[in-house]
PDB file of all heavy atoms in Angstrom:
ATOM      1  N   LEU A   1       0.810  -1.212   0.000  1.00  0.00           N
ATOM      2  CA  LEU A   1       0.000  -0.001  -0.001  1.00  0.00           C
ATOM      3  C   LEU A   1       0.847   1.268   0.000  1.00  0.00           C
ATOM      4  O   LEU A   1       0.474   2.279  -0.604  1.00  0.00           O
ATOM      5  CB  LEU A   1      -0.937   0.010   1.212  1.00  0.00           C
ATOM      6  CG  LEU A   1      -1.996  -1.099   1.257  1.00  0.00           C
ATOM      7  CD1 LEU A   1      -2.743  -1.054   2.591  1.00  0.00           C
ATOM      8  CD2 LEU A   1      -2.977  -0.947   0.103  1.00  0.00           C
ATOM      9  N   PHE A   2       1.985   1.199   0.724  1.00  0.00           N
ATOM     10  CA  PHE A   2       2.839   2.385   0.865  1.00  0.00           C
ATOM     11  C   PHE A   2       4.278   2.023   0.486  1.00  0.00           C
ATOM     12  O   PHE A   2       5.108   1.754   1.364  1.00  0.00           O
ATOM     13  CB  PHE A   2       2.793   2.917   2.299  1.00  0.00           C
ATOM     14  CG  PHE A   2       1.411   3.136   2.821  1.00  0.00           C
ATOM     15  CD1 PHE A   2       0.848   2.242   3.742  1.00  0.00           C
ATOM     16  CD2 PHE A   2       0.654   4.220   2.408  1.00  0.00           C
ATOM     17  CE1 PHE A   2      -0.424   2.437   4.235  1.00  0.00           C
ATOM     18  CE2 PHE A   2      -0.627   4.419   2.907  1.00  0.00           C
ATOM     19  CZ  PHE A   2      -1.173   3.533   3.806  1.00  0.00           C
ATOM     20  N   PRO A   3       4.591   1.988  -0.775  1.00  0.00           N
ATOM     21  CA  PRO A   3       5.963   1.661  -1.198  1.00  0.00           C
ATOM     22  C   PRO A   3       6.957   2.664  -0.618  1.00  0.00           C
ATOM     23  O   PRO A   3       6.671   3.859  -0.472  1.00  0.00           O
ATOM     24  CB  PRO A   3       5.892   1.778  -2.725  1.00  0.00           C
ATOM     25  CG  PRO A   3       4.439   1.628  -3.064  1.00  0.00           C
ATOM     26  CD  PRO A   3       3.688   2.233  -1.916  1.00  0.00           C
ATOM     27  N   GLY A   4       8.108   2.171  -0.254  1.00  0.00           N
ATOM     28  CA  GLY A   4       9.153   3.041   0.274  1.00  0.00           C
ATOM     29  C   GLY A   4       9.298   2.993   1.777  1.00  0.00           C
ATOM     30  O   GLY A   4      10.240   3.564   2.334  1.00  0.00           O
ATOM     31  N   ILE A   5       8.355   2.318   2.479  1.00  0.00           N
ATOM     32  CA  ILE A   5       8.499   2.192   3.931  1.00  0.00           C
ATOM     33  C   ILE A   5       9.485   1.070   4.251  1.00  0.00           C
ATOM     34  O   ILE A   5      10.017   0.410   3.357  1.00  0.00           O
ATOM     35  CB  ILE A   5       7.143   1.924   4.608  1.00  0.00           C
ATOM     36  CG1 ILE A   5       6.561   0.581   4.143  1.00  0.00           C
ATOM     37  CG2 ILE A   5       6.169   3.046   4.330  1.00  0.00           C
ATOM     38  CD1 ILE A   5       5.327   0.164   4.907  1.00  0.00           C
ATOM     39  N   ALA A   6       9.723   0.841   5.518  1.00  0.00           N
ATOM     40  CA  ALA A   6      10.667  -0.194   5.950  1.00  0.00           C
ATOM     41  C   ALA A   6      10.232  -1.560   5.423  1.00  0.00           C
ATOM     42  O   ALA A   6       9.032  -1.812   5.235  1.00  0.00           O
ATOM     43  CB  ALA A   6      10.765  -0.215   7.464  1.00  0.00           C
ATOM     44  N   PRO A   7      11.185  -2.481   5.183  1.00  0.00           N
ATOM     45  CA  PRO A   7      10.839  -3.810   4.670  1.00  0.00           C
ATOM     46  C   PRO A   7      10.057  -4.624   5.701  1.00  0.00           C
ATOM     47  O   PRO A   7      10.028  -4.292   6.890  1.00  0.00           O
ATOM     48  CB  PRO A   7      12.205  -4.436   4.383  1.00  0.00           C
ATOM     49  CG  PRO A   7      13.151  -3.709   5.284  1.00  0.00           C
ATOM     50  CD  PRO A   7      12.625  -2.317   5.367  1.00  0.00           C
ATOM     51  N   PRO A   8       9.411  -5.714   5.272  1.00  0.00           N
ATOM     52  CA  PRO A   8       8.604  -6.530   6.202  1.00  0.00           C
ATOM     53  C   PRO A   8       9.378  -7.012   7.420  1.00  0.00           C
ATOM     54  O   PRO A   8       8.806  -7.175   8.498  1.00  0.00           O
ATOM     55  CB  PRO A   8       8.157  -7.708   5.330  1.00  0.00           C
ATOM     56  CG  PRO A   8       8.162  -7.176   3.939  1.00  0.00           C
ATOM     57  CD  PRO A   8       9.306  -6.206   3.889  1.00  0.00           C
ATOM     58  N   GLY A   9      10.700  -7.244   7.265  1.00  0.00           N
ATOM     59  CA  GLY A   9      11.499  -7.725   8.392  1.00  0.00           C
ATOM     60  C   GLY A   9      11.492  -6.780   9.568  1.00  0.00           C
ATOM     61  O   GLY A   9      11.537  -7.209  10.734  1.00  0.00           O
ATOM     62  N   ALA A  10      11.423  -5.472   9.300  1.00  0.00           N
ATOM     63  CA  ALA A  10      11.384  -4.492  10.384  1.00  0.00           C
ATOM     64  C   ALA A  10      10.103  -4.648  11.195  1.00  0.00           C
ATOM     65  O   ALA A  10      10.105  -4.595  12.431  1.00  0.00           O
ATOM     66  CB  ALA A  10      11.490  -3.079   9.819  1.00  0.00           C
ATOM     67  N   TYR A  11       8.995  -4.872  10.521  1.00  0.00           N
ATOM     68  CA  TYR A  11       7.720  -5.050  11.212  1.00  0.00           C
ATOM     69  C   TYR A  11       7.658  -6.424  11.897  1.00  0.00           C
ATOM     70  O   TYR A  11       6.996  -6.577  12.935  1.00  0.00           O
ATOM     71  CB  TYR A  11       6.574  -4.893  10.218  1.00  0.00           C
ATOM     72  CG  TYR A  11       6.453  -3.486   9.698  1.00  0.00           C
ATOM     73  CD1 TYR A  11       7.120  -3.091   8.540  1.00  0.00           C
ATOM     74  CD2 TYR A  11       5.697  -2.534  10.381  1.00  0.00           C
ATOM     75  CE1 TYR A  11       7.024  -1.790   8.071  1.00  0.00           C
ATOM     76  CE2 TYR A  11       5.591  -1.233   9.915  1.00  0.00           C
ATOM     77  CZ  TYR A  11       6.267  -0.863   8.766  1.00  0.00           C
ATOM     78  OH  TYR A  11       6.178   0.438   8.304  1.00  0.00           O
ATOM     79  N   ALA A  12       8.338  -7.401  11.321  1.00  0.00           N
ATOM     80  CA  ALA A  12       8.404  -8.713  11.975  1.00  0.00           C
ATOM     81  C   ALA A  12       9.101  -8.602  13.320  1.00  0.00           C
ATOM     82  O   ALA A  12       8.686  -9.226  14.311  1.00  0.00           O
ATOM     83  CB  ALA A  12       9.151  -9.699  11.072  1.00  0.00           C
ATOM     84  N   LEU A  13      10.163  -7.788  13.362  1.00  0.00           N
ATOM     85  CA  LEU A  13      10.903  -7.600  14.610  1.00  0.00           C
ATOM     86  C   LEU A  13      10.025  -6.953  15.677  1.00  0.00           C
ATOM     87  O   LEU A  13       9.978  -7.408  16.821  1.00  0.00           O
ATOM     88  CB  LEU A  13      12.135  -6.734  14.343  1.00  0.00           C
ATOM     89  CG  LEU A  13      13.020  -6.392  15.535  1.00  0.00           C
ATOM     90  CD1 LEU A  13      13.568  -7.661  16.174  1.00  0.00           C
ATOM     91  CD2 LEU A  13      14.158  -5.476  15.107  1.00  0.00           C
ATOM     92  N   VAL A  14       9.304  -5.927  15.312  1.00  0.00           N
ATOM     93  CA  VAL A  14       8.437  -5.243  16.267  1.00  0.00           C
ATOM     94  C   VAL A  14       7.257  -6.141  16.650  1.00  0.00           C
ATOM     95  O   VAL A  14       6.829  -6.165  17.816  1.00  0.00           O
ATOM     96  CB  VAL A  14       7.946  -3.910  15.680  1.00  0.00           C
ATOM     97  CG1 VAL A  14       6.962  -3.237  16.637  1.00  0.00           C
ATOM     98  CG2 VAL A  14       9.126  -2.992  15.410  1.00  0.00           C
ATOM     99  N   GLY A  15       6.750  -6.891  15.675  1.00  0.00           N
ATOM    100  CA  GLY A  15       5.637  -7.785  15.956  1.00  0.00           C
ATOM    101  C   GLY A  15       5.989  -8.861  16.969  1.00  0.00           C
ATOM    102  O   GLY A  15       5.121  -9.297  17.743  1.00  0.00           O
ATOM    103  N   MET A  16       7.248  -9.292  17.000  1.00  0.00           N
ATOM    104  CA  MET A  16       7.678 -10.289  17.984  1.00  0.00           C
ATOM    105  C   MET A  16       7.404  -9.798  19.403  1.00  0.00           C
ATOM    106  O   MET A  16       6.818 -10.497  20.229  1.00  0.00           O
ATOM    107  CB  MET A  16       9.163 -10.604  17.798  1.00  0.00           C
ATOM    108  CG  MET A  16       9.493 -11.352  16.522  1.00  0.00           C
ATOM    109  SD  MET A  16      11.268 -11.387  16.159  1.00  0.00           S
ATOM    110  CE  MET A  16      11.862 -12.427  17.486  1.00  0.00           C
ATOM    111  N   GLY A  17       7.834  -8.601  19.680  1.00  0.00           N
ATOM    112  CA  GLY A  17       7.621  -8.051  21.017  1.00  0.00           C
ATOM    113  C   GLY A  17       6.158  -7.787  21.302  1.00  0.00           C
ATOM    114  O   GLY A  17       5.691  -7.979  22.429  1.00  0.00           O
ATOM    115  N   ALA A  18       5.405  -7.371  20.280  1.00  0.00           N
ATOM    116  CA  ALA A  18       3.996  -7.023  20.491  1.00  0.00           C
ATOM    117  C   ALA A  18       3.165  -8.245  20.875  1.00  0.00           C
ATOM    118  O   ALA A  18       2.323  -8.170  21.778  1.00  0.00           O
ATOM    119  CB  ALA A  18       3.440  -6.374  19.230  1.00  0.00           C
ATOM    120  N   VAL A  19       3.376  -9.374  20.218  1.00  0.00           N
ATOM    121  CA  VAL A  19       2.605 -10.574  20.554  1.00  0.00           C
ATOM    122  C   VAL A  19       3.020 -11.110  21.926  1.00  0.00           C
ATOM    123  O   VAL A  19       2.178 -11.579  22.698  1.00  0.00           O
ATOM    124  CB  VAL A  19       2.755 -11.649  19.460  1.00  0.00           C
ATOM    125  CG1 VAL A  19       2.123 -12.965  19.899  1.00  0.00           C
ATOM    126  CG2 VAL A  19       2.106 -11.177  18.168  1.00  0.00           C
ATOM    127  N   VAL A  20       4.301 -11.045  22.244  1.00  0.00           N
ATOM    128  CA  VAL A  20       4.738 -11.441  23.590  1.00  0.00           C
ATOM    129  C   VAL A  20       4.052 -10.570  24.642  1.00  0.00           C
ATOM    130  O   VAL A  20       3.565 -11.070  25.658  1.00  0.00           O
ATOM    131  CB  VAL A  20       6.268 -11.339  23.723  1.00  0.00           C
ATOM    132  CG1 VAL A  20       6.703 -11.470  25.184  1.00  0.00           C
ATOM    133  CG2 VAL A  20       6.951 -12.409  22.888  1.00  0.00           C
ATOM    134  N   ALA A  21       3.992  -9.267  24.402  1.00  0.00           N
ATOM    135  CA  ALA A  21       3.316  -8.365  25.340  1.00  0.00           C
ATOM    136  C   ALA A  21       1.836  -8.709  25.446  1.00  0.00           C
ATOM    137  O   ALA A  21       1.254  -8.684  26.530  1.00  0.00           O
ATOM    138  CB  ALA A  21       3.492  -6.917  24.894  1.00  0.00           C
ATOM    139  N   GLY A  22       1.207  -9.055  24.314  1.00  0.00           N
ATOM    140  CA  GLY A  22      -0.209  -9.387  24.329  1.00  0.00           C
ATOM    141  C   GLY A  22      -0.528 -10.679  25.046  1.00  0.00           C
ATOM    142  O   GLY A  22      -1.558 -10.794  25.703  1.00  0.00           O
ATOM    143  N   THR A  23       0.352 -11.663  24.957  1.00  0.00           N
ATOM    144  CA  THR A  23       0.089 -12.942  25.612  1.00  0.00           C
ATOM    145  C   THR A  23       0.429 -12.897  27.100  1.00  0.00           C
ATOM    146  O   THR A  23      -0.278 -13.496  27.916  1.00  0.00           O
ATOM    147  CB  THR A  23       0.902 -14.074  24.959  1.00  0.00           C
ATOM    148  OG1 THR A  23       2.295 -13.726  24.940  1.00  0.00           O
ATOM    149  CG2 THR A  23       0.427 -14.343  23.552  1.00  0.00           C
ATOM    150  N   THR A  24       1.494 -12.191  27.466  1.00  0.00           N
ATOM    151  CA  THR A  24       1.933 -12.182  28.863  1.00  0.00           C
ATOM    152  C   THR A  24       1.400 -11.001  29.661  1.00  0.00           C
ATOM    153  O   THR A  24       1.473 -11.005  30.888  1.00  0.00           O
ATOM    154  CB  THR A  24       3.469 -12.141  28.932  1.00  0.00           C
ATOM    155  OG1 THR A  24       3.951 -10.923  28.336  1.00  0.00           O
ATOM    156  CG2 THR A  24       4.085 -13.335  28.199  1.00  0.00           C
ATOM    157  N   HIS A  25       0.879  -9.965  28.976  1.00  0.00           N
ATOM    158  CA  HIS A  25       0.453  -8.720  29.636  1.00  0.00           C
ATOM    159  C   HIS A  25       1.619  -8.093  30.377  1.00  0.00           C
ATOM    160  O   HIS A  25       1.424  -7.465  31.433  1.00  0.00           O
ATOM    161  CB  HIS A  25      -0.731  -8.956  30.575  1.00  0.00           C
ATOM    162  CG  HIS A  25      -1.977  -9.375  29.885  1.00  0.00           C
ATOM    163  ND1 HIS A  25      -3.188  -9.529  30.549  1.00  0.00           N
ATOM    164  CD2 HIS A  25      -2.248  -9.669  28.587  1.00  0.00           C
ATOM    165  CE1 HIS A  25      -4.110  -9.908  29.687  1.00  0.00           C
ATOM    166  NE2 HIS A  25      -3.564 -10.010  28.492  1.00  0.00           N
ATOM    167  N   ALA A  26       2.817  -8.232  29.831  1.00  0.00           N
ATOM    168  CA  ALA A  26       4.019  -7.680  30.456  1.00  0.00           C
ATOM    169  C   ALA A  26       4.797  -6.892  29.407  1.00  0.00           C
ATOM    170  O   ALA A  26       5.787  -7.377  28.854  1.00  0.00           O
ATOM    171  CB  ALA A  26       4.874  -8.798  31.042  1.00  0.00           C
ATOM    172  N   PRO A  27       4.356  -5.671  29.074  1.00  0.00           N
ATOM    173  CA  PRO A  27       4.982  -4.922  27.981  1.00  0.00           C
ATOM    174  C   PRO A  27       6.429  -4.528  28.242  1.00  0.00           C
ATOM    175  O   PRO A  27       7.235  -4.488  27.314  1.00  0.00           O
ATOM    176  CB  PRO A  27       4.082  -3.684  27.852  1.00  0.00           C
ATOM    177  CG  PRO A  27       3.417  -3.549  29.191  1.00  0.00           C
ATOM    178  CD  PRO A  27       3.242  -4.942  29.690  1.00  0.00           C
ATOM    179  N   ILE A  28       6.767  -4.221  29.497  1.00  0.00           N
ATOM    180  CA  ILE A  28       8.146  -3.809  29.791  1.00  0.00           C
ATOM    181  C   ILE A  28       9.107  -4.958  29.502  1.00  0.00           C
ATOM    182  O   ILE A  28      10.158  -4.775  28.874  1.00  0.00           O
ATOM    183  CB  ILE A  28       8.265  -3.352  31.257  1.00  0.00           C
ATOM    184  CG1 ILE A  28       7.327  -2.178  31.531  1.00  0.00           C
ATOM    185  CG2 ILE A  28       9.705  -2.959  31.575  1.00  0.00           C
ATOM    186  CD1 ILE A  28       7.301  -1.740  32.976  1.00  0.00           C
ATOM    187  N   THR A  29       8.744  -6.148  29.961  1.00  0.00           N
ATOM    188  CA  THR A  29       9.581  -7.317  29.693  1.00  0.00           C
ATOM    189  C   THR A  29       9.696  -7.559  28.198  1.00  0.00           C
ATOM    190  O   THR A  29      10.785  -7.857  27.681  1.00  0.00           O
ATOM    191  CB  THR A  29       8.989  -8.557  30.375  1.00  0.00           C
ATOM    192  OG1 THR A  29       8.969  -8.347  31.786  1.00  0.00           O
ATOM    193  CG2 THR A  29       9.808  -9.797  30.070  1.00  0.00           C
TER     194      THR A  29
END
């Protein structure tokens, strides 16, 4: 949708932490 933004790998990296935060309810960790 928006060519020129960061590659999918960048969002994969952030998504790793986001799902961990969502499952554990521990965002700082």
